[in-house]
């Protein structure tokens, strides 16, 4: 898994280039921790290229979500493929996190 990171309107956008598996999320966890340590609390994960989701990867994501929210921040998701969104909803992550169809819509949700 590779990802790119950039800031837009005060939101850190992290774009996944692969699947949401345990190895990918361990790397992402480290990146999210560094951002939190720099007081970056508005985080957006673009999962447009993810085709597969593993339970271990989701566990790490939920762990990071709890850490971010403990610091009065949030993690939101955008550009999910239908099969990925369905997996999130089946497992119950859909009740914990907000999903958006586009990056722009997600960014607006942080600033409104």
PDB file of N, CA and C in Angstrom:
ATOM      1  N   UNK A   1       0.836  -1.177   0.000  1.00  0.00           N
ATOM      2  CA  UNK A   1       0.000   0.000   0.000  1.00  0.00           C
ATOM      3  C   UNK A   1       0.874   1.230   0.000  1.00  0.00           C
ATOM      4  N   UNK A   2       0.510   2.133  -0.828  1.00  0.00           N
ATOM      5  CA  UNK A   2       1.143   3.439  -0.815  1.00  0.00           C
ATOM      6  C   UNK A   2       0.027   4.453  -0.654  1.00  0.00           C
ATOM      7  N   UNK A   3       0.384   5.619  -0.198  1.00  0.00           N
ATOM      8  CA  UNK A   3      -0.616   6.658  -0.093  1.00  0.00           C
ATOM      9  C   UNK A   3       0.068   8.003  -0.274  1.00  0.00           C
ATOM     10  N   UNK A   4      -0.746   8.969  -0.634  1.00  0.00           N
ATOM     11  CA  UNK A   4      -0.258  10.338  -0.758  1.00  0.00           C
ATOM     12  C   UNK A   4      -1.008  11.172   0.252  1.00  0.00           C
ATOM     13  N   UNK A   5      -0.354  12.209   0.732  1.00  0.00           N
ATOM     14  CA  UNK A   5      -0.940  13.043   1.755  1.00  0.00           C
ATOM     15  C   UNK A   5      -0.798  14.507   1.356  1.00  0.00           C
ATOM     16  N   UNK A   6      -1.853  15.288   1.618  1.00  0.00           N
ATOM     17  CA  UNK A   6      -1.784  16.721   1.379  1.00  0.00           C
ATOM     18  C   UNK A   6      -2.845  17.392   2.240  1.00  0.00           C
ATOM     19  N   UNK A   7      -2.695  18.684   2.441  1.00  0.00           N
ATOM     20  CA  UNK A   7      -3.674  19.434   3.218  1.00  0.00           C
ATOM     21  C   UNK A   7      -4.494  20.293   2.269  1.00  0.00           C
ATOM     22  N   UNK A   8      -5.799  20.380   2.561  1.00  0.00           N
ATOM     23  CA  UNK A   8      -6.694  21.193   1.757  1.00  0.00           C
ATOM     24  C   UNK A   8      -7.721  21.806   2.693  1.00  0.00           C
ATOM     25  N   UNK A   9      -7.748  23.127   2.783  1.00  0.00           N
ATOM     26  CA  UNK A   9      -8.681  23.858   3.647  1.00  0.00           C
ATOM     27  C   UNK A   9      -8.607  23.384   5.097  1.00  0.00           C
ATOM     28  N   UNK A  10      -7.406  23.110   5.579  1.00  0.00           N
ATOM     29  CA  UNK A  10      -7.227  22.690   6.955  1.00  0.00           C
ATOM     30  C   UNK A  10      -7.517  21.224   7.226  1.00  0.00           C
ATOM     31  N   UNK A  11      -7.782  20.469   6.168  1.00  0.00           N
ATOM     32  CA  UNK A  11      -8.060  19.034   6.290  1.00  0.00           C
ATOM     33  C   UNK A  11      -6.901  18.259   5.673  1.00  0.00           C
ATOM     34  N   UNK A  12      -6.384  17.292   6.403  1.00  0.00           N
ATOM     35  CA  UNK A  12      -5.338  16.434   5.852  1.00  0.00           C
ATOM     36  C   UNK A  12      -6.009  15.308   5.070  1.00  0.00           C
ATOM     37  N   UNK A  13      -5.703  15.257   3.767  1.00  0.00           N
ATOM     38  CA  UNK A  13      -6.284  14.249   2.884  1.00  0.00           C
ATOM     39  C   UNK A  13      -5.234  13.185   2.626  1.00  0.00           C
ATOM     40  N   UNK A  14      -5.555  11.942   2.964  1.00  0.00           N
ATOM     41  CA  UNK A  14      -4.649  10.824   2.736  1.00  0.00           C
ATOM     42  C   UNK A  14      -5.308   9.908   1.725  1.00  0.00           C
ATOM     43  N   UNK A  15      -4.677   9.776   0.579  1.00  0.00           N
ATOM     44  CA  UNK A  15      -5.247   9.003  -0.516  1.00  0.00           C
ATOM     45  C   UNK A  15      -4.575   7.637  -0.586  1.00  0.00           C
ATOM     46  N   UNK A  16      -5.362   6.595  -0.319  1.00  0.00           N
ATOM     47  CA  UNK A  16      -4.860   5.227  -0.393  1.00  0.00           C
ATOM     48  C   UNK A  16      -4.646   4.836  -1.845  1.00  0.00           C
ATOM     49  N   UNK A  17      -3.621   4.072  -2.097  1.00  0.00           N
ATOM     50  CA  UNK A  17      -3.343   3.568  -3.438  1.00  0.00           C
ATOM     51  C   UNK A  17      -3.524   2.057  -3.496  1.00  0.00           C
ATOM     52  N   UNK A  18      -4.130   1.488  -2.453  1.00  0.00           N
ATOM     53  CA  UNK A  18      -4.313   0.037  -2.425  1.00  0.00           C
ATOM     54  C   UNK A  18      -5.406  -0.363  -1.470  1.00  0.00           C
ATOM     55  N   UNK A  19      -5.389  -1.626  -1.067  1.00  0.00           N
ATOM     56  CA  UNK A  19      -6.433  -2.185  -0.227  1.00  0.00           C
ATOM     57  C   UNK A  19      -6.251  -1.812   1.241  1.00  0.00           C
ATOM     58  N   UNK A  20      -7.320  -1.968   1.983  1.00  0.00           N
ATOM     59  CA  UNK A  20      -7.330  -1.646   3.402  1.00  0.00           C
ATOM     60  C   UNK A  20      -7.070  -2.939   4.182  1.00  0.00           C
ATOM     61  N   UNK A  21      -5.798  -3.310   4.245  1.00  0.00           N
ATOM     62  CA  UNK A  21      -5.424  -4.530   4.959  1.00  0.00           C
ATOM     63  C   UNK A  21      -4.573  -4.160   6.173  1.00  0.00           C
ATOM     64  N   UNK A  22      -4.210  -5.149   6.949  1.00  0.00           N
ATOM     65  CA  UNK A  22      -3.483  -4.893   8.198  1.00  0.00           C
ATOM     66  C   UNK A  22      -2.150  -4.196   7.950  1.00  0.00           C
ATOM     67  N   UNK A  23      -1.370  -4.655   6.995  1.00  0.00           N
ATOM     68  CA  UNK A  23      -0.070  -4.047   6.720  1.00  0.00           C
ATOM     69  C   UNK A  23      -0.226  -2.586   6.308  1.00  0.00           C
ATOM     70  N   UNK A  24      -1.186  -2.308   5.444  1.00  0.00           N
ATOM     71  CA  UNK A  24      -1.441  -0.940   5.009  1.00  0.00           C
ATOM     72  C   UNK A  24      -1.835  -0.058   6.182  1.00  0.00           C
ATOM     73  N   UNK A  25      -2.698  -0.581   7.035  1.00  0.00           N
ATOM     74  CA  UNK A  25      -3.189   0.215   8.148  1.00  0.00           C
ATOM     75  C   UNK A  25      -2.135   0.421   9.232  1.00  0.00           C
ATOM     76  N   UNK A  26      -1.197  -0.490   9.379  1.00  0.00           N
ATOM     77  CA  UNK A  26      -0.101  -0.259  10.323  1.00  0.00           C
ATOM     78  C   UNK A  26       0.708   0.948   9.859  1.00  0.00           C
ATOM     79  N   UNK A  27       0.990   1.013   8.572  1.00  0.00           N
ATOM     80  CA  UNK A  27       1.711   2.169   8.022  1.00  0.00           C
ATOM     81  C   UNK A  27       0.884   3.439   8.171  1.00  0.00           C
ATOM     82  N   UNK A  28      -0.417   3.339   7.886  1.00  0.00           N
ATOM     83  CA  UNK A  28      -1.293   4.489   8.007  1.00  0.00           C
ATOM     84  C   UNK A  28      -1.421   4.926   9.463  1.00  0.00           C
ATOM     85  N   UNK A  29      -1.464   3.970  10.373  1.00  0.00           N
ATOM     86  CA  UNK A  29      -1.551   4.281  11.801  1.00  0.00           C
ATOM     87  C   UNK A  29      -0.392   5.166  12.219  1.00  0.00           C
ATOM     88  N   UNK A  30       0.811   4.836  11.757  1.00  0.00           N
ATOM     89  CA  UNK A  30       1.990   5.634  12.085  1.00  0.00           C
ATOM     90  C   UNK A  30       1.863   7.045  11.528  1.00  0.00           C
ATOM     91  N   UNK A  31       1.367   7.162  10.308  1.00  0.00           N
ATOM     92  CA  UNK A  31       1.186   8.477   9.690  1.00  0.00           C
ATOM     93  C   UNK A  31       0.139   9.288  10.454  1.00  0.00           C
ATOM     94  N   UNK A  32      -0.972   8.661  10.801  1.00  0.00           N
ATOM     95  CA  UNK A  32      -2.019   9.356  11.546  1.00  0.00           C
ATOM     96  C   UNK A  32      -1.518   9.798  12.918  1.00  0.00           C
ATOM     97  N   UNK A  33      -0.710   8.977  13.559  1.00  0.00           N
ATOM     98  CA  UNK A  33      -0.140   9.333  14.858  1.00  0.00           C
ATOM     99  C   UNK A  33       0.758  10.560  14.729  1.00  0.00           C
ATOM    100  N   UNK A  34       1.580  10.606  13.686  1.00  0.00           N
ATOM    101  CA  UNK A  34       2.443  11.780  13.464  1.00  0.00           C
ATOM    102  C   UNK A  34       1.604  13.034  13.244  1.00  0.00           C
ATOM    103  N   UNK A  35       0.529  12.913  12.474  1.00  0.00           N
ATOM    104  CA  UNK A  35      -0.342  14.064  12.244  1.00  0.00           C
ATOM    105  C   UNK A  35      -0.987  14.532  13.547  1.00  0.00           C
ATOM    106  N   UNK A  36      -1.469  13.596  14.344  1.00  0.00           N
ATOM    107  CA  UNK A  36      -2.066  13.959  15.633  1.00  0.00           C
ATOM    108  C   UNK A  36      -1.061  14.645  16.546  1.00  0.00           C
ATOM    109  N   UNK A  37       0.165  14.157  16.537  1.00  0.00           N
ATOM    110  CA  UNK A  37       1.212  14.761  17.367  1.00  0.00           C
ATOM    111  C   UNK A  37       1.517  16.194  16.943  1.00  0.00           C
ATOM    112  N   UNK A  38       1.191  16.529  15.701  1.00  0.00           N
ATOM    113  CA  UNK A  38       1.369  17.899  15.191  1.00  0.00           C
ATOM    114  C   UNK A  38       0.063  18.695  15.288  1.00  0.00           C
ATOM    115  N   UNK A  39      -0.910  18.161  16.032  1.00  0.00           N
ATOM    116  CA  UNK A  39      -2.202  18.798  16.261  1.00  0.00           C
ATOM    117  C   UNK A  39      -3.073  18.884  15.005  1.00  0.00           C
ATOM    118  N   UNK A  40      -2.896  17.971  14.083  1.00  0.00           N
ATOM    119  CA  UNK A  40      -3.758  17.864  12.908  1.00  0.00           C
ATOM    120  C   UNK A  40      -4.883  16.904  13.279  1.00  0.00           C
ATOM    121  N   UNK A  41      -6.116  17.422  13.298  1.00  0.00           N
ATOM    122  CA  UNK A  41      -7.226  16.621  13.810  1.00  0.00           C
ATOM    123  C   UNK A  41      -8.355  16.425  12.810  1.00  0.00           C
ATOM    124  N   UNK A  42      -8.262  17.031  11.651  1.00  0.00           N
ATOM    125  CA  UNK A  42      -9.265  16.850  10.603  1.00  0.00           C
ATOM    126  C   UNK A  42      -8.636  15.974   9.529  1.00  0.00           C
ATOM    127  N   UNK A  43      -9.025  14.708   9.519  1.00  0.00           N
ATOM    128  CA  UNK A  43      -8.386  13.731   8.652  1.00  0.00           C
ATOM    129  C   UNK A  43      -9.405  13.104   7.712  1.00  0.00           C
ATOM    130  N   UNK A  44      -9.043  13.048   6.448  1.00  0.00           N
ATOM    131  CA  UNK A  44      -9.913  12.470   5.428  1.00  0.00           C
ATOM    132  C   UNK A  44      -9.145  11.374   4.705  1.00  0.00           C
ATOM    133  N   UNK A  45      -9.714  10.179   4.682  1.00  0.00           N
ATOM    134  CA  UNK A  45      -9.108   9.058   3.967  1.00  0.00           C
ATOM    135  C   UNK A  45      -9.871   8.838   2.674  1.00  0.00           C
ATOM    136  N   UNK A  46      -9.171   8.954   1.562  1.00  0.00           N
ATOM    137  CA  UNK A  46      -9.753   8.699   0.238  1.00  0.00           C
ATOM    138  C   UNK A  46      -9.459   7.244  -0.106  1.00  0.00           C
ATOM    139  N   UNK A  47     -10.511   6.431  -0.119  1.00  0.00           N
ATOM    140  CA  UNK A  47     -10.354   4.998  -0.357  1.00  0.00           C
ATOM    141  C   UNK A  47     -10.817   4.589  -1.745  1.00  0.00           C
ATOM    142  N   UNK A  48     -10.755   5.517  -2.694  1.00  0.00           N
ATOM    143  CA  UNK A  48     -11.250   5.265  -4.039  1.00  0.00           C
ATOM    144  C   UNK A  48     -10.601   4.092  -4.758  1.00  0.00           C
ATOM    145  N   UNK A  49      -9.381   3.757  -4.414  1.00  0.00           N
ATOM    146  CA  UNK A  49      -8.690   2.650  -5.083  1.00  0.00           C
ATOM    147  C   UNK A  49      -8.764   1.336  -4.316  1.00  0.00           C
ATOM    148  N   UNK A  50      -9.272   1.392  -3.102  1.00  0.00           N
ATOM    149  CA  UNK A  50      -9.360   0.171  -2.293  1.00  0.00           C
ATOM    150  C   UNK A  50     -10.456  -0.733  -2.833  1.00  0.00           C
ATOM    151  N   UNK A  51     -10.106  -1.973  -3.108  1.00  0.00           N
ATOM    152  CA  UNK A  51     -11.066  -2.967  -3.595  1.00  0.00           C
ATOM    153  C   UNK A  51     -11.432  -3.978  -2.523  1.00  0.00           C
ATOM    154  N   UNK A  52     -10.582  -4.071  -1.514  1.00  0.00           N
ATOM    155  CA  UNK A  52     -10.727  -5.106  -0.508  1.00  0.00           C
ATOM    156  C   UNK A  52     -10.501  -4.506   0.879  1.00  0.00           C
ATOM    157  N   UNK A  53     -11.238  -5.026   1.856  1.00  0.00           N
ATOM    158  CA  UNK A  53     -11.109  -4.578   3.238  1.00  0.00           C
ATOM    159  C   UNK A  53     -10.924  -5.811   4.111  1.00  0.00           C
ATOM    160  N   UNK A  54      -9.912  -5.775   4.967  1.00  0.00           N
ATOM    161  CA  UNK A  54      -9.693  -6.861   5.914  1.00  0.00           C
ATOM    162  C   UNK A  54     -10.100  -6.401   7.308  1.00  0.00           C
ATOM    163  N   UNK A  55     -10.616  -7.312   8.083  1.00  0.00           N
ATOM    164  CA  UNK A  55     -11.080  -6.997   9.427  1.00  0.00           C
ATOM    165  C   UNK A  55      -9.954  -6.410  10.284  1.00  0.00           C
ATOM    166  N   UNK A  56      -8.757  -6.924  10.161  1.00  0.00           N
ATOM    167  CA  UNK A  56      -7.629  -6.408  10.949  1.00  0.00           C
ATOM    168  C   UNK A  56      -7.345  -4.950  10.595  1.00  0.00           C
ATOM    169  N   UNK A  57      -7.440  -4.623   9.315  1.00  0.00           N
ATOM    170  CA  UNK A  57      -7.247  -3.235   8.879  1.00  0.00           C
ATOM    171  C   UNK A  57      -8.311  -2.323   9.461  1.00  0.00           C
ATOM    172  N   UNK A  58      -9.546  -2.804   9.489  1.00  0.00           N
ATOM    173  CA  UNK A  58     -10.640  -2.016  10.066  1.00  0.00           C
ATOM    174  C   UNK A  58     -10.447  -1.795  11.556  1.00  0.00           C
ATOM    175  N   UNK A  59      -9.941  -2.807  12.229  1.00  0.00           N
ATOM    176  CA  UNK A  59      -9.686  -2.676  13.669  1.00  0.00           C
ATOM    177  C   UNK A  59      -8.693  -1.562  13.958  1.00  0.00           C
ATOM    178  N   UNK A  60      -7.660  -1.485  13.159  1.00  0.00           N
ATOM    179  CA  UNK A  60      -6.654  -0.437  13.336  1.00  0.00           C
ATOM    180  C   UNK A  60      -7.265   0.927  13.023  1.00  0.00           C
ATOM    181  N   UNK A  61      -8.085   0.986  11.981  1.00  0.00           N
ATOM    182  CA  UNK A  61      -8.747   2.239  11.616  1.00  0.00           C
ATOM    183  C   UNK A  61      -9.656   2.720  12.750  1.00  0.00           C
ATOM    184  N   UNK A  62     -10.436   1.833  13.315  1.00  0.00           N
ATOM    185  CA  UNK A  62     -11.333   2.206  14.421  1.00  0.00           C
ATOM    186  C   UNK A  62     -10.516   2.654  15.637  1.00  0.00           C
ATOM    187  N   UNK A  63      -9.405   1.998  15.904  1.00  0.00           N
ATOM    188  CA  UNK A  63      -8.524   2.407  16.994  1.00  0.00           C
ATOM    189  C   UNK A  63      -8.042   3.839  16.791  1.00  0.00           C
ATOM    190  N   UNK A  64      -7.606   4.163  15.588  1.00  0.00           N
ATOM    191  CA  UNK A  64      -7.147   5.528  15.284  1.00  0.00           C
ATOM    192  C   UNK A  64      -8.296   6.527  15.396  1.00  0.00           C
ATOM    193  N   UNK A  65      -9.479   6.120  14.968  1.00  0.00           N
ATOM    194  CA  UNK A  65     -10.647   6.988  15.061  1.00  0.00           C
ATOM    195  C   UNK A  65     -10.901   7.375  16.518  1.00  0.00           C
ATOM    196  N   UNK A  66     -10.814   6.413  17.411  1.00  0.00           N
ATOM    197  CA  UNK A  66     -11.039   6.689  18.834  1.00  0.00           C
ATOM    198  C   UNK A  66      -9.973   7.645  19.384  1.00  0.00           C
ATOM    199  N   UNK A  67      -8.721   7.465  18.950  1.00  0.00           N
ATOM    200  CA  UNK A  67      -7.635   8.352  19.400  1.00  0.00           C
ATOM    201  C   UNK A  67      -7.863   9.772  18.898  1.00  0.00           C
ATOM    202  N   UNK A  68      -8.255   9.906  17.635  1.00  0.00           N
ATOM    203  CA  UNK A  68      -8.492  11.228  17.048  1.00  0.00           C
ATOM    204  C   UNK A  68      -9.668  11.907  17.752  1.00  0.00           C
ATOM    205  N   UNK A  69     -10.739  11.172  17.968  1.00  0.00           N
ATOM    206  CA  UNK A  69     -11.915  11.765  18.626  1.00  0.00           C
ATOM    207  C   UNK A  69     -11.625  12.133  20.077  1.00  0.00           C
ATOM    208  N   UNK A  70     -10.749  11.400  20.728  1.00  0.00           N
ATOM    209  CA  UNK A  70     -10.363  11.743  22.102  1.00  0.00           C
ATOM    210  C   UNK A  70      -9.675  13.103  22.146  1.00  0.00           C
ATOM    211  N   UNK A  71      -9.087  13.499  21.024  1.00  0.00           N
ATOM    212  CA  UNK A  71      -8.421  14.807  20.925  1.00  0.00           C
ATOM    213  C   UNK A  71      -9.305  15.830  20.207  1.00  0.00           C
ATOM    214  N   UNK A  72     -10.615  15.564  20.157  1.00  0.00           N
ATOM    215  CA  UNK A  72     -11.611  16.468  19.571  1.00  0.00           C
ATOM    216  C   UNK A  72     -11.458  16.627  18.060  1.00  0.00           C
ATOM    217  N   UNK A  73     -11.015  15.566  17.396  1.00  0.00           N
ATOM    218  CA  UNK A  73     -10.898  15.574  15.943  1.00  0.00           C
ATOM    219  C   UNK A  73     -11.809  14.524  15.336  1.00  0.00           C
ATOM    220  N   UNK A  74     -11.619  14.276  14.038  1.00  0.00           N
ATOM    221  CA  UNK A  74     -12.434  13.265  13.368  1.00  0.00           C
ATOM    222  C   UNK A  74     -11.705  12.727  12.151  1.00  0.00           C
ATOM    223  N   UNK A  75     -12.083  11.511  11.773  1.00  0.00           N
ATOM    224  CA  UNK A  75     -11.637  10.878  10.540  1.00  0.00           C
ATOM    225  C   UNK A  75     -12.889  10.608   9.723  1.00  0.00           C
ATOM    226  N   UNK A  76     -12.865  11.023   8.468  1.00  0.00           N
ATOM    227  CA  UNK A  76     -13.977  10.764   7.553  1.00  0.00           C
ATOM    228  C   UNK A  76     -13.428  10.049   6.327  1.00  0.00           C
ATOM    229  N   UNK A  77     -14.316   9.406   5.592  1.00  0.00           N
ATOM    230  CA  UNK A  77     -13.924   8.618   4.424  1.00  0.00           C
ATOM    231  C   UNK A  77     -14.624   9.149   3.173  1.00  0.00           C
ATOM    232  N   UNK A  78     -13.951   9.014   2.033  1.00  0.00           N
ATOM    233  CA  UNK A  78     -14.598   9.413   0.792  1.00  0.00           C
ATOM    234  C   UNK A  78     -14.214   8.468  -0.350  1.00  0.00           C
ATOM    235  N   UNK A  79     -15.038   8.549  -1.397  1.00  0.00           N
ATOM    236  CA  UNK A  79     -14.808   7.820  -2.655  1.00  0.00           C
ATOM    237  C   UNK A  79     -14.783   6.305  -2.495  1.00  0.00           C
ATOM    238  N   UNK A  80     -15.572   5.786  -1.575  1.00  0.00           N
ATOM    239  CA  UNK A  80     -15.590   4.334  -1.373  1.00  0.00           C
ATOM    240  C   UNK A  80     -16.290   3.630  -2.533  1.00  0.00           C
ATOM    241  N   UNK A  81     -15.708   2.544  -2.988  1.00  0.00           N
ATOM    242  CA  UNK A  81     -16.371   1.684  -3.968  1.00  0.00           C
ATOM    243  C   UNK A  81     -17.572   1.045  -3.278  1.00  0.00           C
ATOM    244  N   UNK A  82     -18.613   0.721  -4.022  1.00  0.00           N
ATOM    245  CA  UNK A  82     -19.809   0.136  -3.392  1.00  0.00           C
ATOM    246  C   UNK A  82     -19.517  -1.104  -2.557  1.00  0.00           C
ATOM    247  N   UNK A  83     -18.641  -1.978  -3.033  1.00  0.00           N
ATOM    248  CA  UNK A  83     -18.346  -3.197  -2.278  1.00  0.00           C
ATOM    249  C   UNK A  83     -17.601  -2.904  -0.977  1.00  0.00           C
ATOM    250  N   UNK A  84     -16.756  -1.868  -0.987  1.00  0.00           N
ATOM    251  CA  UNK A  84     -16.036  -1.480   0.228  1.00  0.00           C
ATOM    252  C   UNK A  84     -17.008  -0.835   1.217  1.00  0.00           C
ATOM    253  N   UNK A  85     -17.856   0.051   0.716  1.00  0.00           N
ATOM    254  CA  UNK A  85     -18.848   0.684   1.587  1.00  0.00           C
ATOM    255  C   UNK A  85     -19.771  -0.367   2.203  1.00  0.00           C
ATOM    256  N   UNK A  86     -20.160  -1.352   1.417  1.00  0.00           N
ATOM    257  CA  UNK A  86     -21.030  -2.417   1.919  1.00  0.00           C
ATOM    258  C   UNK A  86     -20.348  -3.188   3.046  1.00  0.00           C
ATOM    259  N   UNK A  87     -19.068  -3.478   2.885  1.00  0.00           N
ATOM    260  CA  UNK A  87     -18.319  -4.178   3.934  1.00  0.00           C
ATOM    261  C   UNK A  87     -18.276  -3.346   5.207  1.00  0.00           C
ATOM    262  N   UNK A  88     -18.008  -2.051   5.081  1.00  0.00           N
ATOM    263  CA  UNK A  88     -17.985  -1.161   6.241  1.00  0.00           C
ATOM    264  C   UNK A  88     -19.328  -1.191   6.963  1.00  0.00           C
ATOM    265  N   UNK A  89     -20.396  -1.123   6.200  1.00  0.00           N
ATOM    266  CA  UNK A  89     -21.734  -1.080   6.802  1.00  0.00           C
ATOM    267  C   UNK A  89     -22.096  -2.421   7.453  1.00  0.00           C
ATOM    268  N   UNK A  90     -21.738  -3.537   6.809  1.00  0.00           N
ATOM    269  CA  UNK A  90     -22.039  -4.860   7.363  1.00  0.00           C
ATOM    270  C   UNK A  90     -21.340  -5.070   8.704  1.00  0.00           C
ATOM    271  N   UNK A  91     -20.123  -4.594   8.816  1.00  0.00           N
ATOM    272  CA  UNK A  91     -19.336  -4.793  10.029  1.00  0.00           C
ATOM    273  C   UNK A  91     -19.747  -3.798  11.119  1.00  0.00           C
ATOM    274  N   UNK A  92     -20.402  -2.720  10.730  1.00  0.00           N
ATOM    275  CA  UNK A  92     -20.862  -1.733  11.699  1.00  0.00           C
ATOM    276  C   UNK A  92     -20.053  -0.461  11.738  1.00  0.00           C
ATOM    277  N   UNK A  93     -19.023  -0.368  10.908  1.00  0.00           N
ATOM    278  CA  UNK A  93     -18.195   0.835  10.875  1.00  0.00           C
ATOM    279  C   UNK A  93     -19.002   2.010  10.317  1.00  0.00           C
ATOM    280  N   UNK A  94     -20.014   1.706   9.524  1.00  0.00           N
ATOM    281  CA  UNK A  94     -20.864   2.760   8.974  1.00  0.00           C
ATOM    282  C   UNK A  94     -21.574   3.569  10.041  1.00  0.00           C
ATOM    283  N   UNK A  95     -21.739   2.990  11.213  1.00  0.00           N
ATOM    284  CA  UNK A  95     -22.356   3.714  12.323  1.00  0.00           C
ATOM    285  C   UNK A  95     -21.351   4.598  13.058  1.00  0.00           C
ATOM    286  N   UNK A  96     -20.072   4.355  12.853  1.00  0.00           N
ATOM    287  CA  UNK A  96     -19.022   5.100  13.553  1.00  0.00           C
ATOM    288  C   UNK A  96     -18.443   6.255  12.743  1.00  0.00           C
ATOM    289  N   UNK A  97     -18.422   6.100  11.431  1.00  0.00           N
ATOM    290  CA  UNK A  97     -17.735   7.066  10.571  1.00  0.00           C
ATOM    291  C   UNK A  97     -18.660   7.577   9.483  1.00  0.00           C
ATOM    292  N   UNK A  98     -18.365   8.791   9.030  1.00  0.00           N
ATOM    293  CA  UNK A  98     -19.129   9.358   7.934  1.00  0.00           C
ATOM    294  C   UNK A  98     -18.439   9.041   6.612  1.00  0.00           C
ATOM    295  N   UNK A  99     -19.252   8.697   5.609  1.00  0.00           N
ATOM    296  CA  UNK A  99     -18.772   8.426   4.256  1.00  0.00           C
ATOM    297  C   UNK A  99     -19.301   9.519   3.337  1.00  0.00           C
ATOM    298  N   UNK A 100     -18.489   9.913   2.370  1.00  0.00           N
ATOM    299  CA  UNK A 100     -18.896  10.928   1.402  1.00  0.00           C
ATOM    300  C   UNK A 100     -18.546  10.456   0.000  1.00  0.00           C
ATOM    301  N   UNK A 101     -19.339  10.875  -0.952  1.00  0.00           N
ATOM    302  CA  UNK A 101     -19.148  10.473  -2.350  1.00  0.00           C
ATOM    303  C   UNK A 101     -17.928  11.142  -2.968  1.00  0.00           C
ATOM    304  N   UNK A 102     -17.592  12.349  -2.500  1.00  0.00           N
ATOM    305  CA  UNK A 102     -16.465  13.065  -3.100  1.00  0.00           C
ATOM    306  C   UNK A 102     -15.599  13.693  -2.012  1.00  0.00           C
ATOM    307  N   UNK A 103     -14.390  14.008  -2.382  1.00  0.00           N
ATOM    308  CA  UNK A 103     -13.451  14.681  -1.478  1.00  0.00           C
ATOM    309  C   UNK A 103     -13.976  16.061  -1.103  1.00  0.00           C
ATOM    310  N   UNK A 104     -14.504  16.778  -2.068  1.00  0.00           N
ATOM    311  CA  UNK A 104     -14.996  18.133  -1.837  1.00  0.00           C
ATOM    312  C   UNK A 104     -16.135  18.136  -0.814  1.00  0.00           C
ATOM    313  N   UNK A 105     -17.066  17.204  -0.973  1.00  0.00           N
ATOM    314  CA  UNK A 105     -18.187  17.094  -0.041  1.00  0.00           C
ATOM    315  C   UNK A 105     -17.686  16.790   1.371  1.00  0.00           C
ATOM    316  N   UNK A 106     -16.726  15.903   1.484  1.00  0.00           N
ATOM    317  CA  UNK A 106     -16.170  15.547   2.791  1.00  0.00           C
ATOM    318  C   UNK A 106     -15.460  16.731   3.430  1.00  0.00           C
ATOM    319  N   UNK A 107     -14.674  17.454   2.661  1.00  0.00           N
ATOM    320  CA  UNK A 107     -13.952  18.615   3.194  1.00  0.00           C
ATOM    321  C   UNK A 107     -14.938  19.665   3.679  1.00  0.00           C
ATOM    322  N   UNK A 108     -15.992  19.910   2.907  1.00  0.00           N
ATOM    323  CA  UNK A 108     -17.019  20.877   3.325  1.00  0.00           C
ATOM    324  C   UNK A 108     -17.643  20.467   4.662  1.00  0.00           C
ATOM    325  N   UNK A 109     -17.797  19.165   4.884  1.00  0.00           N
ATOM    326  CA  UNK A 109     -18.419  18.707   6.132  1.00  0.00           C
ATOM    327  C   UNK A 109     -17.562  19.052   7.357  1.00  0.00           C
ATOM    328  N   UNK A 110     -16.265  19.162   7.171  1.00  0.00           N
ATOM    329  CA  UNK A 110     -15.376  19.536   8.281  1.00  0.00           C
ATOM    330  C   UNK A 110     -15.500  21.012   8.617  1.00  0.00           C
ATOM    331  N   UNK A 111     -15.698  21.839   7.626  1.00  0.00           N
ATOM    332  CA  UNK A 111     -15.677  23.284   7.838  1.00  0.00           C
ATOM    333  C   UNK A 111     -17.056  23.886   8.065  1.00  0.00           C
ATOM    334  N   UNK A 112     -18.104  23.081   7.934  1.00  0.00           N
ATOM    335  CA  UNK A 112     -19.443  23.652   8.155  1.00  0.00           C
ATOM    336  C   UNK A 112     -19.899  23.499   9.575  1.00  0.00           C
TER     337      UNK A 112
END
